[in-house]
């Protein structure tokens, strides 16, 4: 008798607690004039999903939970999954040297797959940004990517394996390697081996003018259309679009072992240097618990944030189509939501 009366009370308290967290996050985003979409889930169940502001500032269409956004460097998590799948299949090893795939590339005998995944290759993005700034609207062909990589590897910022140096060029090289060993394009590999098996219907490789319903248009801080960048510059380092709901599916598939095995997953989320693993960053980089793993994405007109707590099985996903600056987005808005959840977890202890 006593037990039966206690269970509903406990369930009611848990529901009230969850609703309070939802109210706090919603109020926080409104005070920040957040423009985009948010999703918070616990144990795979969505507890908050909502759109804020406008997806198109010209037509005044509204963002909602199904709005498509460019996700920028969240793409690196997908590329890292692709690499680990190929490692599991025996088509790659983490110790494979870059010269094995591109024989004449400078320092190819020093740089490995492990270095490229963890941003410890010593490659800087100076050559990449030089190419991009000269012709951001032009097509960034595979030949141009390789030429940029040749220049970058010939002038390393540090010895491979000694320092963390975040680089898009490294993930462009991983894209080229994926194509070489899988005998298909990076676009097709990601679609067939990650997006389709995970049932992500509103996720894909971006092209410049895809006809997609409920797609957000990227803007600058003033609501003006963002600078145009040909999406070929992003590709395996930042070329995907998605929704908050589809990214939840990706996280759950990754955590549950549907995309890679437990050993590969553990390697991906284990920091190598400066908090960065393989396509994921340790929560300590945001002054949060190491139970949190995340990645940011920034591309003209858009910011993205995807995080999960491995102990509590919580996901937090934020996508915006209004530039406020990478630091403001990550350290103010994204961190603000993680802090609200952290306080809730502390109260529950």
Foldseek 3Di string as FASTA:
>chain_A
DVVVVVVVVVVVVVVVLLVVLQVVLVVQCVVVQFAFWKWKDFPLHTSDIFGGFALAPVVRHTHTQFAKEFFAQLLLLLLLLLVQVCVVVVLFDQAQFQCVQVVPAAPSVQAGNQLLQQQQQQFACPLLVVVCVVCQPDACDPVNLVVSRSVRNVDGNDGRLPAHHDYLSSQSSSQSVSCVSVVHHSQVSSVVQQPVVLVFPFKGFDAQDDDDPNYGFFDEQVSHGWDDGGLNSRPSRGGMMGGNVSVSSRVVCLLVQVSHHPVSSVQQQDHRHPQHGRSWGAPVNLVDHSQKIKDWRDDTQKIWIWIARSVRGMIIITIRRYDPDPCCCVNPSVVVSVVSVVVSVVVVD
